[in-house]
Amino acid sequence: MKTPFALIVLVLALFLGACADQPLISDEDYKASHGPAPNSPDPSSHVSQSPLSNY
């Protein structure tokens, strides 16, 4: 009785492991469809306008 249960668990684990390699959405598609959060600060606000002005 333990052997069929163990085989079923093994096959299910292999199946789920194979499905995990295929993402539902690519990173590029996610970034294109999700912008910054509402009222989020501008991440580039701390960067100076002229990076060569210090030299």
N, C-alpha and C. Protein backbone atom coordinates (compact mmCIF):
# COMPACT_ATOMS: atom_id res chain seq x y z
N MET A 1 0.82 -1.20 0.00
CA MET A 1 0.00 0.00 0.00
C MET A 1 0.86 1.26 0.00
N LYS A 2 2.05 1.18 0.59
CA LYS A 2 2.91 2.34 0.63
C LYS A 2 3.55 2.60 -0.73
N THR A 3 3.79 1.56 -1.48
CA THR A 3 4.48 1.72 -2.77
C THR A 3 3.67 2.53 -3.77
N PRO A 4 2.38 2.24 -3.99
CA PRO A 4 1.62 3.07 -4.94
C PRO A 4 1.51 4.52 -4.49
N PHE A 5 1.36 4.74 -3.20
CA PHE A 5 1.28 6.10 -2.68
C PHE A 5 2.61 6.84 -2.92
N ALA A 6 3.71 6.17 -2.69
CA ALA A 6 5.02 6.77 -2.91
C ALA A 6 5.23 7.07 -4.39
N LEU A 7 4.79 6.21 -5.27
CA LEU A 7 4.92 6.45 -6.71
C LEU A 7 4.08 7.64 -7.16
N ILE A 8 2.88 7.73 -6.62
CA ILE A 8 2.01 8.85 -6.97
C ILE A 8 2.64 10.17 -6.50
N VAL A 9 3.17 10.19 -5.30
CA VAL A 9 3.81 11.39 -4.77
C VAL A 9 5.04 11.74 -5.61
N LEU A 10 5.81 10.74 -6.01
CA LEU A 10 6.99 10.98 -6.82
C LEU A 10 6.63 11.55 -8.19
N VAL A 11 5.64 10.98 -8.84
CA VAL A 11 5.22 11.47 -10.15
C VAL A 11 4.66 12.88 -10.03
N LEU A 12 3.89 13.15 -9.01
CA LEU A 12 3.34 14.49 -8.80
C LEU A 12 4.46 15.51 -8.55
N ALA A 13 5.46 15.14 -7.76
CA ALA A 13 6.58 16.05 -7.49
C ALA A 13 7.36 16.33 -8.77
N LEU A 14 7.59 15.32 -9.58
CA LEU A 14 8.30 15.52 -10.84
C LEU A 14 7.50 16.40 -11.80
N PHE A 15 6.20 16.21 -11.83
CA PHE A 15 5.34 17.02 -12.69
C PHE A 15 5.36 18.48 -12.26
N LEU A 16 5.23 18.72 -10.96
CA LEU A 16 5.24 20.09 -10.47
C LEU A 16 6.62 20.73 -10.65
N GLY A 17 7.66 19.95 -10.52
CA GLY A 17 9.00 20.47 -10.74
C GLY A 17 9.23 20.86 -12.18
N ALA A 18 8.66 20.12 -13.11
CA ALA A 18 8.81 20.44 -14.53
C ALA A 18 8.01 21.70 -14.87
N CYS A 19 6.90 21.92 -14.23
CA CYS A 19 6.09 23.10 -14.50
C CYS A 19 6.72 24.37 -13.94
N ALA A 20 7.56 24.23 -12.93
CA ALA A 20 8.15 25.40 -12.29
C ALA A 20 9.19 26.08 -13.18
N ASP A 21 9.70 25.39 -14.19
CA ASP A 21 10.72 25.97 -15.06
C ASP A 21 10.15 26.93 -16.08
N GLN A 22 8.84 26.95 -16.24
CA GLN A 22 8.21 27.79 -17.25
C GLN A 22 7.41 28.90 -16.57
N PRO A 23 7.95 30.13 -16.57
CA PRO A 23 7.22 31.22 -15.92
C PRO A 23 5.94 31.56 -16.67
N LEU A 24 4.98 32.07 -15.94
CA LEU A 24 3.71 32.44 -16.56
C LEU A 24 3.85 33.73 -17.36
N ILE A 25 4.77 34.61 -16.95
CA ILE A 25 4.97 35.89 -17.62
C ILE A 25 6.47 36.19 -17.58
N SER A 26 6.97 36.76 -18.67
CA SER A 26 8.40 37.08 -18.72
C SER A 26 8.69 38.34 -17.92
N ASP A 27 9.95 38.56 -17.58
CA ASP A 27 10.33 39.75 -16.83
C ASP A 27 10.03 41.02 -17.62
N GLU A 28 10.25 40.98 -18.93
CA GLU A 28 10.00 42.15 -19.76
C GLU A 28 8.51 42.49 -19.79
N ASP A 29 7.66 41.47 -19.91
CA ASP A 29 6.22 41.71 -19.92
C ASP A 29 5.74 42.25 -18.57
N TYR A 30 6.32 41.74 -17.49
CA TYR A 30 5.92 42.22 -16.16
C TYR A 30 6.29 43.69 -15.99
N LYS A 31 7.52 44.05 -16.37
CA LYS A 31 7.96 45.44 -16.23
C LYS A 31 7.15 46.37 -17.13
N ALA A 32 6.74 45.89 -18.29
CA ALA A 32 5.95 46.72 -19.20
C ALA A 32 4.54 46.96 -18.67
N SER A 33 3.99 45.98 -17.97
CA SER A 33 2.61 46.11 -17.51
C SER A 33 2.49 46.67 -16.10
N HIS A 34 3.58 46.75 -15.35
CA HIS A 34 3.54 47.26 -13.98
C HIS A 34 4.47 48.46 -13.86
N GLY A 35 3.89 49.60 -13.69
CA GLY A 35 4.67 50.82 -13.49
C GLY A 35 5.01 51.00 -12.02
N PRO A 36 5.51 52.15 -11.66
CA PRO A 36 5.80 52.40 -10.24
C PRO A 36 4.50 52.51 -9.43
N ALA A 37 4.63 52.32 -8.15
CA ALA A 37 3.46 52.41 -7.28
C ALA A 37 2.94 53.84 -7.24
N PRO A 38 1.65 54.02 -7.01
CA PRO A 38 1.11 55.37 -6.91
C PRO A 38 1.77 56.15 -5.78
N ASN A 39 2.04 57.42 -6.02
CA ASN A 39 2.66 58.32 -5.05
C ASN A 39 4.07 57.88 -4.64
N SER A 40 4.72 57.09 -5.49
CA SER A 40 6.08 56.67 -5.16
C SER A 40 7.06 57.77 -5.56
N PRO A 41 8.15 57.91 -4.82
CA PRO A 41 9.12 58.95 -5.16
C PRO A 41 9.87 58.61 -6.43
N ASP A 42 10.40 59.63 -7.07
CA ASP A 42 11.18 59.44 -8.29
C ASP A 42 12.54 58.86 -7.90
N PRO A 43 12.89 57.66 -8.37
CA PRO A 43 14.16 57.05 -7.95
C PRO A 43 15.38 57.79 -8.50
N SER A 44 15.21 58.59 -9.52
CA SER A 44 16.35 59.30 -10.07
C SER A 44 16.48 60.72 -9.52
N SER A 45 15.70 61.09 -8.51
CA SER A 45 15.74 62.45 -7.99
C SER A 45 17.03 62.75 -7.26
N HIS A 46 17.72 61.75 -6.74
CA HIS A 46 18.96 61.99 -6.02
C HIS A 46 20.17 62.08 -6.95
N VAL A 47 20.02 61.79 -8.22
CA VAL A 47 21.11 61.85 -9.18
C VAL A 47 21.25 63.28 -9.68
N SER A 48 22.45 63.80 -9.66
CA SER A 48 22.65 65.17 -10.13
C SER A 48 22.44 65.23 -11.64
N GLN A 49 22.10 66.41 -12.12
CA GLN A 49 21.81 66.57 -13.53
C GLN A 49 23.05 66.45 -14.40
N SER A 50 24.20 66.88 -13.88
CA SER A 50 25.43 66.82 -14.65
C SER A 50 26.47 66.02 -13.87
N PRO A 51 26.63 64.74 -14.17
CA PRO A 51 27.56 63.93 -13.39
C PRO A 51 29.02 64.34 -13.56
N LEU A 52 29.37 65.08 -14.62
CA LEU A 52 30.76 65.49 -14.86
C LEU A 52 31.08 66.84 -14.24
N SER A 53 30.12 67.45 -13.56
CA SER A 53 30.34 68.78 -13.00
C SER A 53 31.32 68.75 -11.83
N ASN A 54 31.55 67.61 -11.22
CA ASN A 54 32.48 67.51 -10.09
C ASN A 54 33.92 67.41 -10.54
N TYR A 55 34.17 67.20 -11.81
CA TYR A 55 35.54 66.99 -12.29
C TYR A 55 36.12 68.22 -12.90
